[in-house]
Amino acid sequence: MAQRGLQRARRGGPLEPISRLPAAEVAGELARLLPGHAPRLAERADPGLELLGEEDLLRGAVTPVVRKAVAELPGGRIALAVGDAWITNDPLTGQGANLGSACAWIAAEAIAAGGPYDTAFGHATAERMWEAAAPVTHWTNAFLRPPAEHVLTLLLAAASRQDVADVVLELFGDPAYAWAVFSSPEEVARIVDGPPGP
């Protein structure tokens, strides 16, 4: 049931037509559809739900992509891509600016350590950047698919236990650990089965 629910807002799903409505019609149509697709959310929604203006509606789609990080330019110089020029993640987990900053820092440290700034330098730097980027990319992409059973267990526990909710929230500040949790049924069990917090 929960896995099917995540599919409803995807392309071709029953909530997709909302994305094509004029801004003035979105809130009413959403309020009409919520009880059938997200009943608990519908119970909490204000009956007078409306947008304050067109700027309150964000529409779009992001195709996650990892591009080549190193390009050799004419004359033998290299270009090293960081941020969205290298990896474009869906903004779902809010990690784009964080990842761009982390990779820029890694690249700056490599440059400060000295050259030669050749293709081998570019690839070695890209490998170090990927160590930071891989967990972010895997974690973000995991949110775009139906969740594994252990992830559902974690999220359901977070809905009813403050200590687990705090852990889930803190994951957004540590994407490497976030991926370690989301990719491990054992780690989720350790968190969920551990003693409740204060």
C-alpha atoms as a PDB file:
ATOM      1  CA  MET A   1       0.000   0.000   0.000  1.00  0.00           C
ATOM      2  CA  ALA A   2       2.686   2.520   0.993  1.00  0.00           C
ATOM      3  CA  GLN A   3       4.844   1.641  -1.990  1.00  0.00           C
ATOM      4  CA  ARG A   4       1.920   2.156  -4.384  1.00  0.00           C
ATOM      5  CA  GLY A   5       1.202   5.481  -2.670  1.00  0.00           C
ATOM      6  CA  LEU A   6       4.627   6.786  -3.645  1.00  0.00           C
ATOM      7  CA  GLN A   7       3.865   6.085  -7.294  1.00  0.00           C
ATOM      8  CA  ARG A   8       0.781   8.317  -7.408  1.00  0.00           C
ATOM      9  CA  ALA A   9       2.648  11.581  -7.985  1.00  0.00           C
ATOM     10  CA  ARG A  10       4.952  10.139 -10.629  1.00  0.00           C
ATOM     11  CA  ARG A  11       4.550  10.687 -14.339  1.00  0.00           C
ATOM     12  CA  GLY A  12       1.440   8.826 -15.451  1.00  0.00           C
ATOM     13  CA  GLY A  13       0.123   8.516 -11.888  1.00  0.00           C
ATOM     14  CA  PRO A  14      -3.280   9.783 -10.769  1.00  0.00           C
ATOM     15  CA  LEU A  15      -1.843  12.970  -9.234  1.00  0.00           C
ATOM     16  CA  GLU A  16       0.213  13.971 -12.270  1.00  0.00           C
ATOM     17  CA  PRO A  17      -2.598  15.989 -13.942  1.00  0.00           C
ATOM     18  CA  ILE A  18      -2.343  18.547 -11.110  1.00  0.00           C
ATOM     19  CA  SER A  19       1.013  19.565 -12.564  1.00  0.00           C
ATOM     20  CA  ARG A  20      -0.720  20.864 -15.704  1.00  0.00           C
ATOM     21  CA  LEU A  21      -3.501  22.861 -14.028  1.00  0.00           C
ATOM     22  CA  PRO A  22      -3.534  26.658 -13.834  1.00  0.00           C
ATOM     23  CA  ALA A  23      -2.228  27.808 -10.443  1.00  0.00           C
ATOM     24  CA  ALA A  24      -5.685  29.007  -9.380  1.00  0.00           C
ATOM     25  CA  GLU A  25      -7.088  25.462  -9.695  1.00  0.00           C
ATOM     26  CA  VAL A  26      -4.297  23.488  -8.009  1.00  0.00           C
ATOM     27  CA  ALA A  27      -5.366  23.835  -4.359  1.00  0.00           C
ATOM     28  CA  GLY A  28      -8.986  22.870  -5.035  1.00  0.00           C
ATOM     29  CA  GLU A  29      -8.042  19.833  -7.093  1.00  0.00           C
ATOM     30  CA  LEU A  30      -5.458  18.775  -4.537  1.00  0.00           C
ATOM     31  CA  ALA A  31      -8.028  19.075  -1.728  1.00  0.00           C
ATOM     32  CA  ARG A  32     -10.425  16.945  -3.790  1.00  0.00           C
ATOM     33  CA  LEU A  33      -7.843  14.222  -4.463  1.00  0.00           C
ATOM     34  CA  LEU A  34      -6.120  14.045  -1.064  1.00  0.00           C
ATOM     35  CA  PRO A  35      -8.770  11.923   0.721  1.00  0.00           C
ATOM     36  CA  GLY A  36      -8.404   9.160  -1.853  1.00  0.00           C
ATOM     37  CA  HIS A  37      -4.623   9.208  -2.073  1.00  0.00           C
ATOM     38  CA  ALA A  38      -3.367  10.547   1.276  1.00  0.00           C
ATOM     39  CA  PRO A  39      -6.239  10.288   3.756  1.00  0.00           C
ATOM     40  CA  ARG A  40      -4.155  11.077   6.845  1.00  0.00           C
ATOM     41  CA  LEU A  41      -2.805  14.195   5.203  1.00  0.00           C
ATOM     42  CA  ALA A  42      -6.303  15.141   4.067  1.00  0.00           C
ATOM     43  CA  GLU A  43      -7.509  14.962   7.682  1.00  0.00           C
ATOM     44  CA  ARG A  44      -4.853  17.490   8.689  1.00  0.00           C
ATOM     45  CA  ALA A  45      -5.288  19.841   5.728  1.00  0.00           C
ATOM     46  CA  ASP A  46      -7.065  23.135   6.270  1.00  0.00           C
ATOM     47  CA  PRO A  47     -10.450  23.056   4.490  1.00  0.00           C
ATOM     48  CA  GLY A  48      -9.680  26.509   3.090  1.00  0.00           C
ATOM     49  CA  LEU A  49      -6.414  25.342   1.532  1.00  0.00           C
ATOM     50  CA  GLU A  50      -5.330  27.733  -1.202  1.00  0.00           C
ATOM     51  CA  LEU A  51      -2.233  29.213  -2.782  1.00  0.00           C
ATOM     52  CA  LEU A  52      -1.491  32.807  -1.883  1.00  0.00           C
ATOM     53  CA  GLY A  53      -0.145  33.443  -5.370  1.00  0.00           C
ATOM     54  CA  GLU A  54       1.445  31.824  -8.409  1.00  0.00           C
ATOM     55  CA  GLU A  55       4.891  32.118  -6.806  1.00  0.00           C
ATOM     56  CA  ASP A  56       3.739  29.577  -4.171  1.00  0.00           C
ATOM     57  CA  LEU A  57       3.582  26.835  -6.788  1.00  0.00           C
ATOM     58  CA  LEU A  58       6.763  25.126  -7.914  1.00  0.00           C
ATOM     59  CA  ARG A  59       6.566  22.723 -10.823  1.00  0.00           C
ATOM     60  CA  GLY A  60       9.239  20.887 -12.639  1.00  0.00           C
ATOM     61  CA  ALA A  61      11.096  17.675 -13.049  1.00  0.00           C
ATOM     62  CA  VAL A  62      14.709  16.772 -12.490  1.00  0.00           C
ATOM     63  CA  THR A  63      16.439  13.889 -14.169  1.00  0.00           C
ATOM     64  CA  PRO A  64      19.242  12.761 -11.856  1.00  0.00           C
ATOM     65  CA  VAL A  65      22.501  12.458 -13.755  1.00  0.00           C
ATOM     66  CA  VAL A  66      26.205  11.977 -13.062  1.00  0.00           C
ATOM     67  CA  ARG A  67      28.393  13.413 -15.821  1.00  0.00           C
ATOM     68  CA  LYS A  68      32.092  12.960 -16.474  1.00  0.00           C
ATOM     69  CA  ALA A  69      33.956  15.055 -13.932  1.00  0.00           C
ATOM     70  CA  VAL A  70      37.059  15.633 -16.051  1.00  0.00           C
ATOM     71  CA  ALA A  71      37.334  17.067 -19.543  1.00  0.00           C
ATOM     72  CA  GLU A  72      40.558  17.661 -21.445  1.00  0.00           C
ATOM     73  CA  LEU A  73      40.577  21.044 -23.152  1.00  0.00           C
ATOM     74  CA  PRO A  74      42.464  22.039 -26.292  1.00  0.00           C
ATOM     75  CA  GLY A  75      46.045  22.799 -25.368  1.00  0.00           C
ATOM     76  CA  GLY A  76      46.212  20.078 -22.706  1.00  0.00           C
ATOM     77  CA  ARG A  77      44.483  21.868 -19.847  1.00  0.00           C
ATOM     78  CA  ILE A  78      41.689  20.157 -17.965  1.00  0.00           C
ATOM     79  CA  ALA A  79      38.310  21.236 -16.657  1.00  0.00           C
ATOM     80  CA  LEU A  80      37.018  19.725 -13.426  1.00  0.00           C
ATOM     81  CA  ALA A  81      33.255  19.779 -12.936  1.00  0.00           C
ATOM     82  CA  VAL A  82      31.708  20.217  -9.495  1.00  0.00           C
ATOM     83  CA  GLY A  83      28.183  20.879  -8.244  1.00  0.00           C
ATOM     84  CA  ASP A  84      25.309  20.543 -10.704  1.00  0.00           C
ATOM     85  CA  ALA A  85      27.762  20.689 -13.609  1.00  0.00           C
ATOM     86  CA  TRP A  86      28.920  17.248 -12.472  1.00  0.00           C
ATOM     87  CA  ILE A  87      26.059  15.671 -10.518  1.00  0.00           C
ATOM     88  CA  THR A  88      22.454  16.747 -10.680  1.00  0.00           C
ATOM     89  CA  ASN A  89      20.460  15.138  -7.895  1.00  0.00           C
ATOM     90  CA  ASP A  90      16.740  15.461  -7.419  1.00  0.00           C
ATOM     91  CA  PRO A  91      16.223  18.149  -4.743  1.00  0.00           C
ATOM     92  CA  LEU A  92      14.102  15.732  -2.695  1.00  0.00           C
ATOM     93  CA  THR A  93      16.697  15.343   0.065  1.00  0.00           C
ATOM     94  CA  GLY A  94      17.974  18.913  -0.188  1.00  0.00           C
ATOM     95  CA  GLN A  95      21.618  17.976  -0.709  1.00  0.00           C
ATOM     96  CA  GLY A  96      22.551  19.848  -3.916  1.00  0.00           C
ATOM     97  CA  ALA A  97      24.274  22.890  -2.407  1.00  0.00           C
ATOM     98  CA  ASN A  98      25.846  20.769   0.343  1.00  0.00           C
ATOM     99  CA  LEU A  99      27.328  18.357  -2.175  1.00  0.00           C
ATOM    100  CA  GLY A 100      28.522  21.148  -4.445  1.00  0.00           C
ATOM    101  CA  SER A 101      30.268  22.839  -1.507  1.00  0.00           C
ATOM    102  CA  ALA A 102      31.831  19.595  -0.297  1.00  0.00           C
ATOM    103  CA  CYS A 103      33.210  18.784  -3.754  1.00  0.00           C
ATOM    104  CA  ALA A 104      34.462  22.345  -4.281  1.00  0.00           C
ATOM    105  CA  TRP A 105      36.337  22.065  -0.976  1.00  0.00           C
ATOM    106  CA  ILE A 106      37.896  18.746  -2.026  1.00  0.00           C
ATOM    107  CA  ALA A 107      38.914  20.245  -5.386  1.00  0.00           C
ATOM    108  CA  ALA A 108      40.362  23.352  -3.692  1.00  0.00           C
ATOM    109  CA  GLU A 109      42.433  21.220  -1.327  1.00  0.00           C
ATOM    110  CA  ALA A 110      43.748  19.179  -4.270  1.00  0.00           C
ATOM    111  CA  ILE A 111      44.667  22.350  -6.172  1.00  0.00           C
ATOM    112  CA  ALA A 112      46.374  23.832  -3.098  1.00  0.00           C
ATOM    113  CA  ALA A 113      48.427  20.645  -2.706  1.00  0.00           C
ATOM    114  CA  GLY A 114      50.069  21.400  -6.057  1.00  0.00           C
ATOM    115  CA  GLY A 115      50.193  20.070  -9.585  1.00  0.00           C
ATOM    116  CA  PRO A 116      50.866  19.033 -12.152  1.00  0.00           C
ATOM    117  CA  TYR A 117      47.257  19.812 -13.040  1.00  0.00           C
ATOM    118  CA  ASP A 118      46.942  17.208 -15.731  1.00  0.00           C
ATOM    119  CA  THR A 119      44.391  14.538 -16.573  1.00  0.00           C
ATOM    120  CA  ALA A 120      45.742  12.211 -13.873  1.00  0.00           C
ATOM    121  CA  PHE A 121      45.281  15.020 -11.319  1.00  0.00           C
ATOM    122  CA  GLY A 122      41.704  15.547 -12.532  1.00  0.00           C
ATOM    123  CA  HIS A 123      40.793  11.877 -12.264  1.00  0.00           C
ATOM    124  CA  ALA A 124      42.409  11.495  -8.836  1.00  0.00           C
ATOM    125  CA  THR A 125      40.489  14.546  -7.601  1.00  0.00           C
ATOM    126  CA  ALA A 126      37.259  13.241  -9.118  1.00  0.00           C
ATOM    127  CA  GLU A 127      37.739   9.943  -7.284  1.00  0.00           C
ATOM    128  CA  ARG A 128      38.072  11.801  -3.966  1.00  0.00           C
ATOM    129  CA  MET A 129      35.004  13.879  -4.797  1.00  0.00           C
ATOM    130  CA  TRP A 130      33.043  10.712  -5.651  1.00  0.00           C
ATOM    131  CA  GLU A 131      33.790   9.344  -2.170  1.00  0.00           C
ATOM    132  CA  ALA A 132      31.725  12.267  -0.840  1.00  0.00           C
ATOM    133  CA  ALA A 133      29.206  12.264  -3.687  1.00  0.00           C
ATOM    134  CA  ALA A 134      28.363   8.563  -3.982  1.00  0.00           C
ATOM    135  CA  PRO A 135      26.447   8.249  -0.679  1.00  0.00           C
ATOM    136  CA  VAL A 136      24.517  11.462  -1.415  1.00  0.00           C
ATOM    137  CA  THR A 137      23.601  10.257  -4.898  1.00  0.00           C
ATOM    138  CA  HIS A 138      22.602   6.772  -3.756  1.00  0.00           C
ATOM    139  CA  TRP A 139      20.569   8.118  -0.821  1.00  0.00           C
ATOM    140  CA  THR A 140      18.766  10.690  -2.963  1.00  0.00           C
ATOM    141  CA  ASN A 141      18.001   8.154  -5.688  1.00  0.00           C
ATOM    142  CA  ALA A 142      16.661   5.747  -3.053  1.00  0.00           C
ATOM    143  CA  PHE A 143      13.981   8.331  -2.236  1.00  0.00           C
ATOM    144  CA  LEU A 144      12.829   8.264  -5.861  1.00  0.00           C
ATOM    145  CA  ARG A 145      11.980   4.550  -5.762  1.00  0.00           C
ATOM    146  CA  PRO A 146       9.470   2.649  -3.683  1.00  0.00           C
ATOM    147  CA  PRO A 147      11.102   2.185  -0.272  1.00  0.00           C
ATOM    148  CA  ALA A 148      12.493  -1.120   0.887  1.00  0.00           C
ATOM    149  CA  GLU A 149      10.647  -2.797   3.750  1.00  0.00           C
ATOM    150  CA  HIS A 150      13.300  -1.797   6.312  1.00  0.00           C
ATOM    151  CA  VAL A 151      13.043   1.859   5.211  1.00  0.00           C
ATOM    152  CA  LEU A 152       9.281   1.752   5.708  1.00  0.00           C
ATOM    153  CA  THR A 153       9.912   0.307   9.175  1.00  0.00           C
ATOM    154  CA  LEU A 154      12.237   3.220   9.976  1.00  0.00           C
ATOM    155  CA  LEU A 155       9.828   5.877   8.708  1.00  0.00           C
ATOM    156  CA  LEU A 156       6.843   4.342  10.498  1.00  0.00           C
ATOM    157  CA  ALA A 157       8.842   4.208  13.740  1.00  0.00           C
ATOM    158  CA  ALA A 158       9.821   7.861  13.232  1.00  0.00           C
ATOM    159  CA  ALA A 159       6.137   8.772  12.933  1.00  0.00           C
ATOM    160  CA  SER A 160       5.422   7.482  16.435  1.00  0.00           C
ATOM    161  CA  ARG A 161       8.729   7.811  18.331  1.00  0.00           C
ATOM    162  CA  GLN A 162      10.520  11.103  18.861  1.00  0.00           C
ATOM    163  CA  ASP A 163      13.928   9.449  19.320  1.00  0.00           C
ATOM    164  CA  VAL A 164      13.692   7.756  15.915  1.00  0.00           C
ATOM    165  CA  ALA A 165      12.298  10.931  14.316  1.00  0.00           C
ATOM    166  CA  ASP A 166      15.331  12.807  15.648  1.00  0.00           C
ATOM    167  CA  VAL A 167      17.676  10.253  14.070  1.00  0.00           C
ATOM    168  CA  VAL A 168      15.890  10.498  10.707  1.00  0.00           C
ATOM    169  CA  LEU A 169      16.060  14.290  10.797  1.00  0.00           C
ATOM    170  CA  GLU A 170      19.769  14.230  11.654  1.00  0.00           C
ATOM    171  CA  LEU A 171      20.417  12.031   8.601  1.00  0.00           C
ATOM    172  CA  PHE A 172      19.931  15.068   6.383  1.00  0.00           C
ATOM    173  CA  GLY A 173      23.053  16.612   7.932  1.00  0.00           C
ATOM    174  CA  ASP A 174      25.157  13.486   7.367  1.00  0.00           C
ATOM    175  CA  PRO A 175      24.332  11.986   3.957  1.00  0.00           C
ATOM    176  CA  ALA A 176      27.084   9.365   4.175  1.00  0.00           C
ATOM    177  CA  TYR A 177      25.526   7.991   7.363  1.00  0.00           C
ATOM    178  CA  ALA A 178      22.063   8.438   5.827  1.00  0.00           C
ATOM    179  CA  TRP A 179      22.975   6.087   3.001  1.00  0.00           C
ATOM    180  CA  ALA A 180      24.583   3.665   5.477  1.00  0.00           C
ATOM    181  CA  VAL A 181      21.235   3.570   7.329  1.00  0.00           C
ATOM    182  CA  PHE A 182      18.915   3.420   4.319  1.00  0.00           C
ATOM    183  CA  SER A 183      20.959   0.698   2.638  1.00  0.00           C
ATOM    184  CA  SER A 184      21.179  -1.524   5.728  1.00  0.00           C
ATOM    185  CA  PRO A 185      18.302  -3.462   7.272  1.00  0.00           C
ATOM    186  CA  GLU A 186      20.647  -4.228  10.175  1.00  0.00           C
ATOM    187  CA  GLU A 187      21.337  -0.544  10.875  1.00  0.00           C
ATOM    188  CA  VAL A 188      17.634   0.270  10.718  1.00  0.00           C
ATOM    189  CA  ALA A 189      16.901  -2.586  13.141  1.00  0.00           C
ATOM    190  CA  ARG A 190      19.593  -1.242  15.508  1.00  0.00           C
ATOM    191  CA  ILE A 191      17.924   2.195  15.474  1.00  0.00           C
ATOM    192  CA  VAL A 192      14.323   0.989  15.706  1.00  0.00           C
ATOM    193  CA  ASP A 193      14.930  -1.792  18.225  1.00  0.00           C
ATOM    194  CA  GLY A 194      17.211   0.318  20.404  1.00  0.00           C
ATOM    195  CA  PRO A 195      16.026   1.818  23.680  1.00  0.00           C
ATOM    196  CA  PRO A 196      13.650   4.756  23.270  1.00  0.00           C
ATOM    197  CA  GLY A 197      15.194   8.148  23.889  1.00  0.00           C
ATOM    198  CA  PRO A 198      14.081  10.585  26.588  1.00  0.00           C
END
